[in-house]
Amino acid sequence: VKGGGEVVVVSTHRHGDWFVSSIVGFSEGKSHKGMSKMTYNPYEQKFVQFNFCNEGSYGVGSTPAWDGDSLSFTGYKHSRKDRGEYFKKIFEKVADDTLKMTAQTSQDNQTFETVAEATCIKAQ
């Protein structure tokens, strides 16, 4: 992960129509625990994703569909530490069993800065 942190997916499963990931991360000597839930909303014809973490922050994002080998969620996240910010979470297929994830944030929803990058490999 960019910035010297480490993110480990500790469990991934389906719960009905939801795809759920529980994660534990470590950055700057502090632990981070979170959960991500994703599903497809057939009425609005888009994927939606909800993120929650132990620090009290949460985010909601959506994307209409895969665009080639890329799936890009956009949304807004709130934190107890700041007033909140816009975000993009981009998943790019680089192999049959590998995705590259890039997380970006912005205060004005115009200029985005990459804050995290990770390679996600399907467990064997």
Protein backbone atom coordinates (compact mmCIF):
# COMPACT_ATOMS: atom_id res chain seq x y z
CA VAL A 1 0.00 0.00 0.00
CA LYS A 2 1.30 3.44 -0.87
CA GLY A 3 2.56 5.37 2.14
CA GLY A 4 4.11 2.44 3.97
CA GLY A 5 0.88 1.00 5.32
CA GLU A 6 -0.22 -2.59 5.08
CA VAL A 7 -3.76 -3.76 4.37
CA VAL A 8 -4.78 -7.37 4.90
CA VAL A 9 -8.18 -8.71 3.85
CA VAL A 10 -9.10 -11.07 6.66
CA SER A 11 -12.39 -12.29 5.25
CA THR A 12 -14.44 -11.98 2.12
CA HIS A 13 -17.83 -13.58 1.70
CA ARG A 14 -21.28 -13.23 0.20
CA HIS A 15 -24.24 -12.41 2.40
CA GLY A 16 -27.31 -12.76 0.22
CA ASP A 17 -26.84 -10.24 -2.60
CA TRP A 18 -24.02 -8.44 -0.72
CA PHE A 19 -20.29 -8.98 -1.20
CA VAL A 20 -18.66 -8.26 2.20
CA SER A 21 -14.97 -7.62 2.97
CA SER A 22 -13.59 -7.22 6.49
CA ILE A 23 -10.15 -5.62 6.57
CA VAL A 24 -7.43 -4.83 9.06
CA GLY A 25 -4.86 -2.20 8.19
CA PHE A 26 -1.76 -0.82 9.87
CA SER A 27 -0.41 2.64 9.19
CA GLU A 28 1.90 4.86 11.21
CA GLY A 29 1.81 2.39 14.09
CA LYS A 30 -1.98 2.43 14.44
CA SER A 31 -4.42 -0.30 13.54
CA HIS A 32 -7.39 0.28 11.29
CA LYS A 33 -10.37 -2.06 11.12
CA GLY A 34 -13.09 -1.68 8.58
CA MET A 35 -15.79 -3.31 6.55
CA SER A 36 -16.84 -2.82 2.95
CA LYS A 37 -20.16 -3.96 1.52
CA MET A 38 -21.02 -3.95 -2.18
CA THR A 39 -24.11 -4.90 -4.15
CA TYR A 40 -25.88 -4.12 -7.43
CA ASN A 41 -28.94 -1.86 -7.35
CA PRO A 42 -31.13 -3.02 -10.27
CA TYR A 43 -33.52 -0.05 -9.96
CA GLU A 44 -30.77 2.53 -10.50
CA GLN A 45 -28.65 0.07 -12.55
CA LYS A 46 -25.41 0.66 -10.66
CA PHE A 47 -23.12 -0.97 -8.14
CA VAL A 48 -23.11 0.64 -4.67
CA GLN A 49 -20.45 0.34 -1.98
CA PHE A 50 -20.57 1.23 1.72
CA ASN A 51 -17.41 1.52 3.83
CA PHE A 52 -17.18 1.76 7.64
CA CYS A 53 -14.18 1.88 9.98
CA ASN A 54 -13.39 1.76 13.69
CA GLU A 55 -12.47 5.48 13.75
CA GLY A 56 -16.08 6.45 13.05
CA SER A 57 -15.67 7.31 9.39
CA TYR A 58 -17.90 6.01 6.64
CA GLY A 59 -18.34 6.45 2.91
CA VAL A 60 -20.89 5.74 0.21
CA GLY A 61 -19.97 5.35 -3.45
CA SER A 62 -21.41 4.04 -6.69
CA THR A 63 -20.49 3.12 -10.26
CA PRO A 64 -22.70 2.29 -13.24
CA ALA A 65 -20.70 -0.70 -14.51
CA TRP A 66 -17.35 -2.07 -15.57
CA ASP A 67 -15.73 0.05 -18.27
CA GLY A 68 -13.51 -2.48 -20.03
CA ASP A 69 -11.17 -3.79 -17.30
CA SER A 70 -11.91 -0.93 -14.87
CA LEU A 71 -14.54 -0.36 -12.17
CA SER A 72 -14.49 3.15 -10.68
CA PHE A 73 -16.55 4.02 -7.59
CA THR A 74 -17.12 7.71 -6.81
CA GLY A 75 -18.71 9.10 -3.67
CA TYR A 76 -18.32 11.05 -0.46
CA LYS A 77 -16.82 9.97 2.85
CA HIS A 78 -17.25 11.45 6.31
CA SER A 79 -14.79 11.36 9.17
CA ARG A 80 -14.77 12.49 12.77
CA LYS A 81 -11.38 14.09 12.06
CA ASP A 82 -12.39 16.41 9.21
CA ARG A 83 -15.37 17.77 7.33
CA GLY A 84 -15.35 14.96 4.82
CA GLU A 85 -14.13 14.63 1.26
CA TYR A 86 -14.94 13.23 -2.14
CA PHE A 87 -13.35 9.94 -3.12
CA LYS A 88 -12.69 7.62 -6.03
CA LYS A 89 -11.87 3.95 -5.60
CA ILE A 90 -10.71 2.42 -8.87
CA PHE A 91 -10.32 -1.32 -9.46
CA GLU A 92 -8.41 -2.35 -12.58
CA LYS A 93 -8.14 -5.97 -13.74
CA VAL A 94 -4.48 -6.74 -14.49
CA ALA A 95 -4.80 -10.56 -14.67
CA ASP A 96 -7.52 -13.18 -14.20
CA ASP A 97 -6.70 -13.40 -10.48
CA THR A 98 -5.36 -9.88 -9.83
CA LEU A 99 -6.88 -6.42 -9.38
CA LYS A 100 -5.05 -3.15 -8.81
CA MET A 101 -6.89 -0.80 -6.43
CA THR A 102 -6.23 2.95 -6.39
CA ALA A 103 -7.88 5.23 -3.81
CA GLN A 104 -8.04 8.97 -4.44
CA THR A 105 -9.51 11.88 -2.44
CA SER A 106 -10.47 15.49 -3.19
CA GLN A 107 -11.82 18.45 -1.23
CA ASP A 108 -13.39 20.14 -4.29
CA ASN A 109 -14.44 17.10 -6.39
CA GLN A 110 -12.17 18.40 -9.19
CA THR A 111 -8.54 17.68 -8.28
CA PHE A 112 -7.92 14.18 -6.91
CA GLU A 113 -4.82 12.95 -5.08
CA THR A 114 -3.86 9.28 -4.87
CA VAL A 115 -3.75 8.29 -1.18
CA ALA A 116 -3.45 4.50 -1.44
CA GLU A 117 -2.60 1.83 -3.97
CA ALA A 118 -2.79 -1.93 -3.49
CA THR A 119 -2.61 -5.12 -5.50
CA CYS A 120 -5.41 -7.55 -4.69
CA ILE A 121 -4.65 -11.19 -5.51
CA LYS A 122 -7.25 -13.95 -5.31
CA ALA A 123 -6.34 -16.52 -2.66
CA GLN A 124 -5.46 -19.96 -4.01
